[in-house]
């Protein structure tokens, strides 16, 4: 391995979020510039997730659930409910606003919540593309099964299977479920790769992997992932970016000036509204929890 990043933990009241990117030691792994694992947690009856409308630029968000459900609405007019093992890809491009809330049916009964929220930086020349939304159901994402391993390919091509999800930069992303004692080769094709043990315990070439940490792998080296117990491991990475990216709050860009312009646009109300969820919004923070490091 190259680097291990221990997550910072943010308590959101009903559940915790563990964030590994961005970090002082590393800003990106391939196009991934933000990596959160949230939950596992359980909402009481009448409660749920309520992420009010907020803006993004020059990135794509990837939402993937282990448990629960989230209603996504955005300024394109999209309304989509994501459930476990499906994928939501929202491309912000020149600018988008969205909200994420627990559906009313789950709110009425109480429900679990657990999953991953990641951001992909958009590559040079594509940062200001038109905003877009894409949903792939569980059945549309290929499943590779062998010897106690069930690996769902969320993005890119892995183990001979290819996801239908759009890539702006070459990306690999997979959800790997492993029985105790099972193993899986981690190929060396991608420029940059990392692993997150979301549940259970696993080793890489015999070296134990700390749960919830981001383990960045040495480039060009094939390695063997083995489960010490029943485990869930996320593999992520892709092509290396030659141009640095900056992060401030919900904004990502190769240009600090572009981020400053987005700040002013959000303060001035210049972003579009979210149909069906336009009564609330998240104000811009004085000191954001997500910030790039010099």
Protein backbone atom coordinates (compact mmCIF):
# COMPACT_ATOMS: atom_id res chain seq x y z
CA UNK A 1 0.00 0.00 0.00
CA UNK A 2 0.97 3.63 -0.47
CA UNK A 3 -1.04 5.65 2.09
CA UNK A 4 -3.78 5.01 4.64
CA UNK A 5 -6.15 7.87 5.42
CA UNK A 6 -8.07 7.63 8.69
CA UNK A 7 -11.55 9.18 8.36
CA UNK A 8 -12.74 12.26 10.16
CA UNK A 9 -16.16 11.68 11.74
CA UNK A 10 -19.04 14.13 11.50
CA UNK A 11 -22.05 13.61 13.78
CA UNK A 12 -25.24 14.61 11.94
CA UNK A 13 -27.48 13.73 14.87
CA UNK A 14 -29.36 10.71 13.54
CA UNK A 15 -26.25 9.19 11.98
CA UNK A 16 -22.49 9.59 11.58
CA UNK A 17 -20.52 10.33 8.42
CA UNK A 18 -16.91 9.17 8.02
CA UNK A 19 -14.96 11.29 5.53
CA UNK A 20 -11.62 10.23 4.03
CA UNK A 21 -11.30 12.59 1.06
CA UNK A 22 -10.24 15.32 0.71
CA UNK A 23 -7.41 15.03 3.25
CA UNK A 24 -4.17 16.84 3.97
CA UNK A 25 -2.26 13.75 2.83
CA UNK A 26 -4.21 13.32 -0.40
CA UNK A 27 -6.80 15.29 -2.36
CA UNK A 28 -7.82 12.75 -5.01
CA UNK A 29 -7.71 9.09 -6.03
CA UNK A 30 -8.35 9.01 -9.77
CA UNK A 31 -11.35 11.34 -10.28
CA UNK A 32 -12.63 10.74 -6.72
CA UNK A 33 -12.23 13.95 -4.71
CA UNK A 34 -14.74 13.34 -1.90
CA UNK A 35 -15.47 10.04 -0.13
CA UNK A 36 -18.06 9.69 2.67
CA UNK A 37 -19.43 6.58 4.31
CA UNK A 38 -22.64 7.24 6.25
CA UNK A 39 -24.37 5.02 8.80
CA UNK A 40 -25.28 2.33 9.55
CA UNK A 41 -28.09 3.93 11.52
CA UNK A 42 -31.84 3.64 11.97
CA UNK A 43 -34.30 6.51 11.83
CA UNK A 44 -37.15 6.55 14.34
CA UNK A 45 -40.74 6.80 13.10
CA UNK A 46 -41.34 10.25 11.67
CA UNK A 47 -37.64 11.00 11.26
CA UNK A 48 -35.27 10.78 8.33
CA UNK A 49 -32.60 12.43 6.24
CA UNK A 50 -33.31 16.03 5.25
CA UNK A 51 -30.50 17.48 3.16
CA UNK A 52 -32.04 20.77 1.99
CA UNK A 53 -31.40 22.15 -1.51
CA UNK A 54 -27.75 23.09 -2.08
CA UNK A 55 -25.56 23.78 -5.14
CA UNK A 56 -22.67 22.04 -6.89
CA UNK A 57 -20.35 22.96 -9.76
CA UNK A 58 -17.66 21.17 -11.84
CA UNK A 59 -18.23 17.72 -10.31
CA UNK A 60 -20.44 14.64 -10.41
CA UNK A 61 -21.99 13.10 -7.29
CA UNK A 62 -22.32 9.32 -6.99
CA UNK A 63 -24.80 8.00 -4.41
CA UNK A 64 -24.83 4.29 -3.53
CA UNK A 65 -26.82 2.72 -0.69
CA UNK A 66 -26.26 -0.40 1.39
CA UNK A 67 -29.57 0.06 3.27
CA UNK A 68 -32.54 2.44 3.17
CA UNK A 69 -33.88 4.83 0.55
CA UNK A 70 -33.35 8.46 -0.46
CA UNK A 71 -35.53 10.75 -2.57
CA UNK A 72 -33.39 12.82 -4.93
CA UNK A 73 -34.75 16.04 -6.46
CA UNK A 74 -32.77 18.51 -8.53
CA UNK A 75 -33.07 21.74 -10.50
CA UNK A 76 -33.45 19.79 -13.75
CA UNK A 77 -36.83 18.61 -12.46
CA UNK A 78 -35.60 15.11 -11.59
CA UNK A 79 -37.35 13.15 -8.85
CA UNK A 80 -35.81 9.71 -8.30
CA UNK A 81 -35.81 7.33 -5.34
CA UNK A 82 -32.57 5.40 -4.86
CA UNK A 83 -32.53 2.06 -3.07
CA UNK A 84 -29.74 -0.39 -2.15
CA UNK A 85 -27.35 -1.51 -4.92
CA UNK A 86 -28.65 1.10 -7.39
CA UNK A 87 -26.65 4.16 -8.44
CA UNK A 88 -27.48 7.84 -8.79
CA UNK A 89 -25.03 9.88 -10.88
CA UNK A 90 -25.68 13.61 -10.85
CA UNK A 91 -23.40 15.69 -13.06
CA UNK A 92 -23.24 19.29 -11.85
CA UNK A 93 -21.18 20.70 -14.70
CA UNK A 94 -21.77 24.47 -14.87
CA UNK A 95 -24.19 24.26 -11.95
CA UNK A 96 -27.01 22.29 -10.36
CA UNK A 97 -29.03 22.34 -7.13
CA UNK A 98 -30.39 19.22 -5.42
CA UNK A 99 -31.90 17.88 -2.20
CA UNK A 100 -31.83 14.46 -0.57
CA UNK A 101 -34.59 13.36 1.81
CA UNK A 102 -35.99 10.15 3.27
CA UNK A 103 -39.15 9.10 1.34
CA UNK A 104 -42.48 9.52 3.13
CA UNK A 105 -43.17 5.75 3.27
CA UNK A 106 -39.88 5.05 5.05
CA UNK A 107 -40.38 8.08 7.29
CA UNK A 108 -43.78 6.74 8.38
CA UNK A 109 -42.39 3.37 9.49
CA UNK A 110 -38.81 4.19 10.51
CA UNK A 111 -35.99 2.91 8.35
CA UNK A 112 -32.28 2.06 8.22
CA UNK A 113 -29.73 4.16 6.35
CA UNK A 114 -26.24 3.20 5.25
CA UNK A 115 -24.14 3.83 2.16
CA UNK A 116 -21.55 5.86 0.28
CA UNK A 117 -21.58 9.40 -1.07
CA UNK A 118 -18.68 10.23 -3.39
CA UNK A 119 -17.82 13.09 -5.72
CA UNK A 120 -15.95 12.86 -9.00
CA UNK A 121 -14.03 15.86 -10.30
CA UNK A 122 -14.81 16.56 -13.94
CA UNK A 123 -11.77 16.49 -16.24
CA UNK A 124 -10.18 19.45 -18.03
CA UNK A 125 -12.44 20.69 -20.81
CA UNK A 126 -15.55 19.13 -19.23
CA UNK A 127 -15.92 21.05 -15.98
CA UNK A 128 -18.61 23.34 -17.42
CA UNK A 129 -20.66 20.74 -19.32
CA UNK A 130 -24.45 20.77 -19.07
CA UNK A 131 -25.87 19.40 -15.81
CA UNK A 132 -27.39 15.91 -16.04
CA UNK A 133 -28.86 13.11 -13.93
CA UNK A 134 -28.62 9.35 -14.45
CA UNK A 135 -30.10 6.48 -12.44
CA UNK A 136 -29.14 2.83 -12.82
CA UNK A 137 -31.26 0.27 -11.00
CA UNK A 138 -29.69 -2.63 -9.12
CA UNK A 139 -30.48 -4.97 -12.02
CA UNK A 140 -28.62 -2.75 -14.51
CA UNK A 141 -25.29 -2.86 -12.67
CA UNK A 142 -23.29 -6.01 -13.50
CA UNK A 143 -22.66 -8.53 -10.73
CA UNK A 144 -19.50 -10.67 -10.79
CA UNK A 145 -19.82 -13.76 -8.57
CA UNK A 146 -17.18 -16.38 -7.81
CA UNK A 147 -16.06 -18.41 -4.79
CA UNK A 148 -17.82 -16.55 -2.00
CA UNK A 149 -17.42 -13.14 -3.68
CA UNK A 150 -20.21 -11.00 -5.12
CA UNK A 151 -18.83 -7.81 -6.70
CA UNK A 152 -21.17 -5.19 -8.20
CA UNK A 153 -19.50 -2.96 -10.79
CA UNK A 154 -20.90 0.53 -10.17
CA UNK A 155 -18.69 2.39 -12.66
CA UNK A 156 -16.11 1.37 -15.23
CA UNK A 157 -14.88 -2.07 -16.25
CA UNK A 158 -13.70 -4.66 -13.72
CA UNK A 159 -13.28 -8.46 -13.79
CA UNK A 160 -14.61 -8.61 -17.36
CA UNK A 161 -17.83 -6.67 -16.64
CA UNK A 162 -18.70 -3.07 -17.58
CA UNK A 163 -21.18 -0.72 -15.90
CA UNK A 164 -23.57 1.32 -18.07
CA UNK A 165 -23.01 4.46 -15.94
CA UNK A 166 -21.51 7.40 -17.88
CA UNK A 167 -17.86 8.28 -17.26
CA UNK A 168 -16.38 11.72 -17.98
CA UNK A 169 -12.94 10.50 -16.86
CA UNK A 170 -11.87 6.85 -16.70
CA UNK A 171 -13.33 5.55 -13.42
CA UNK A 172 -13.51 2.29 -11.48
CA UNK A 173 -15.95 1.80 -8.61
CA UNK A 174 -17.21 -1.48 -7.13
CA UNK A 175 -19.11 -2.84 -4.14
CA UNK A 176 -17.52 -6.15 -3.06
CA UNK A 177 -19.34 -8.54 -0.71
CA UNK A 178 -17.11 -11.36 0.56
CA UNK A 179 -17.68 -14.43 2.68
CA UNK A 180 -15.08 -15.11 5.38
CA UNK A 181 -11.97 -16.62 3.75
CA UNK A 182 -12.91 -15.58 0.19
CA UNK A 183 -10.38 -13.71 -1.96
CA UNK A 184 -10.41 -11.49 -5.03
CA UNK A 185 -7.60 -10.13 -7.25
CA UNK A 186 -7.33 -6.34 -7.41
CA UNK A 187 -6.06 -5.63 -10.92
CA UNK A 188 -3.39 -3.02 -11.65
CA UNK A 189 -4.98 -1.45 -14.74
CA UNK A 190 -6.18 1.86 -13.24
CA UNK A 191 -3.74 4.74 -12.66
CA UNK A 192 -4.88 5.10 -9.06
CA UNK A 193 -6.83 2.73 -6.78
CA UNK A 194 -8.05 2.66 -3.19
CA UNK A 195 -10.05 0.38 -0.89
CA UNK A 196 -12.49 1.13 1.94
CA UNK A 197 -13.55 -1.72 4.23
CA UNK A 198 -17.11 -0.63 4.98
CA UNK A 199 -18.12 -3.67 7.05
CA UNK A 200 -16.20 -6.63 8.48
CA UNK A 201 -12.48 -7.29 8.24
CA UNK A 202 -10.14 -7.88 5.30
CA UNK A 203 -6.47 -8.05 4.34
CA UNK A 204 -4.56 -6.96 1.25
CA UNK A 205 -1.60 -9.19 0.38
CA UNK A 206 -1.79 -10.38 4.00
CA UNK A 207 -1.76 -6.89 5.52
CA UNK A 208 -4.82 -6.05 7.68
CA UNK A 209 -6.97 -3.15 6.45
CA UNK A 210 -8.36 -0.76 9.07
CA UNK A 211 -12.14 -0.55 8.82
CA UNK A 212 -13.54 2.70 7.33
CA UNK A 213 -10.09 4.02 6.37
CA UNK A 214 -9.09 4.79 2.77
CA UNK A 215 -6.22 2.53 1.74
CA UNK A 216 -4.46 3.90 -1.34
CA UNK A 217 -2.68 1.20 -3.33
CA UNK A 218 0.68 1.28 -5.04
CA UNK A 219 0.24 1.93 -8.77
CA UNK A 220 0.94 -0.82 -11.26
CA UNK A 221 0.84 -3.64 -8.72
CA UNK A 222 -1.74 -6.45 -8.76
CA UNK A 223 -2.78 -7.41 -5.22
CA UNK A 224 -4.98 -9.96 -3.46
CA UNK A 225 -7.91 -8.92 -1.26
CA UNK A 226 -8.99 -11.54 1.29
CA UNK A 227 -11.87 -11.42 3.79
CA UNK A 228 -10.98 -12.28 7.40
CA UNK A 229 -14.70 -12.27 8.25
CA UNK A 230 -17.80 -11.63 6.17
CA UNK A 231 -16.94 -8.24 4.71
CA UNK A 232 -18.02 -5.40 2.43
CA UNK A 233 -15.25 -3.54 0.61
CA UNK A 234 -15.48 -0.61 -1.77
CA UNK A 235 -12.91 -0.34 -4.58
CA UNK A 236 -12.52 3.06 -6.21
CA UNK A 237 -10.13 4.95 -8.49
CA UNK A 238 -9.37 5.66 -12.11
CA UNK A 239 -7.27 7.97 -14.22
CA UNK A 240 -4.90 10.40 -12.51
CA UNK A 241 -5.57 14.11 -13.03
CA UNK A 242 -2.64 16.25 -14.16
CA UNK A 243 -4.33 19.53 -13.17
CA UNK A 244 -5.03 20.15 -9.45
CA UNK A 245 -8.59 20.56 -8.23
CA UNK A 246 -9.77 22.85 -5.43
CA UNK A 247 -12.65 22.07 -3.07
CA UNK A 248 -14.66 24.59 -1.04
CA UNK A 249 -17.95 23.48 0.56
CA UNK A 250 -19.97 21.89 -2.30
CA UNK A 251 -17.87 23.40 -5.08
CA UNK A 252 -15.03 21.72 -6.98
CA UNK A 253 -13.01 23.37 -9.73
CA UNK A 254 -9.56 23.74 -11.25
CA UNK A 255 -10.09 27.48 -10.75
CA UNK A 256 -10.39 29.22 -7.38
CA UNK A 257 -11.94 32.18 -9.22
CA UNK A 258 -14.72 29.90 -10.51
CA UNK A 259 -15.40 28.72 -6.95
CA UNK A 260 -15.53 32.31 -5.71
CA UNK A 261 -18.01 33.16 -8.47
CA UNK A 262 -20.18 30.19 -7.45
CA UNK A 263 -20.16 31.42 -3.83
CA UNK A 264 -21.45 34.80 -4.93
CA UNK A 265 -24.05 33.22 -7.23
CA UNK A 266 -25.45 31.10 -4.38
CA UNK A 267 -25.55 34.10 -2.03
CA UNK A 268 -27.31 36.17 -4.71
CA UNK A 269 -29.89 33.47 -5.52
CA UNK A 270 -28.64 33.01 -9.08
CA UNK A 271 -28.78 29.20 -9.06
CA UNK A 272 -32.03 27.54 -10.27
CA UNK A 273 -34.65 26.26 -7.84
CA UNK A 274 -35.53 22.60 -7.21
CA UNK A 275 -39.11 21.88 -8.39
CA UNK A 276 -41.07 20.30 -5.55
CA UNK A 277 -38.50 21.35 -2.93
CA UNK A 278 -37.98 25.09 -3.25
CA UNK A 279 -39.07 26.35 0.18
CA UNK A 280 -35.77 25.65 1.95
CA UNK A 281 -32.08 25.88 1.17
CA UNK A 282 -28.70 25.49 2.89
CA UNK A 283 -27.02 28.88 3.38
CA UNK A 284 -23.38 29.20 2.41
CA UNK A 285 -21.18 28.59 5.48
CA UNK A 286 -18.61 31.00 6.83
CA UNK A 287 -16.24 28.08 7.48
CA UNK A 288 -17.01 24.98 5.40
CA UNK A 289 -16.31 21.42 6.60
CA UNK A 290 -15.13 20.49 3.12
CA UNK A 291 -12.09 22.43 1.98
CA UNK A 292 -9.05 21.62 -0.13
CA UNK A 293 -5.58 21.79 1.31
CA UNK A 294 -2.71 23.83 -0.16
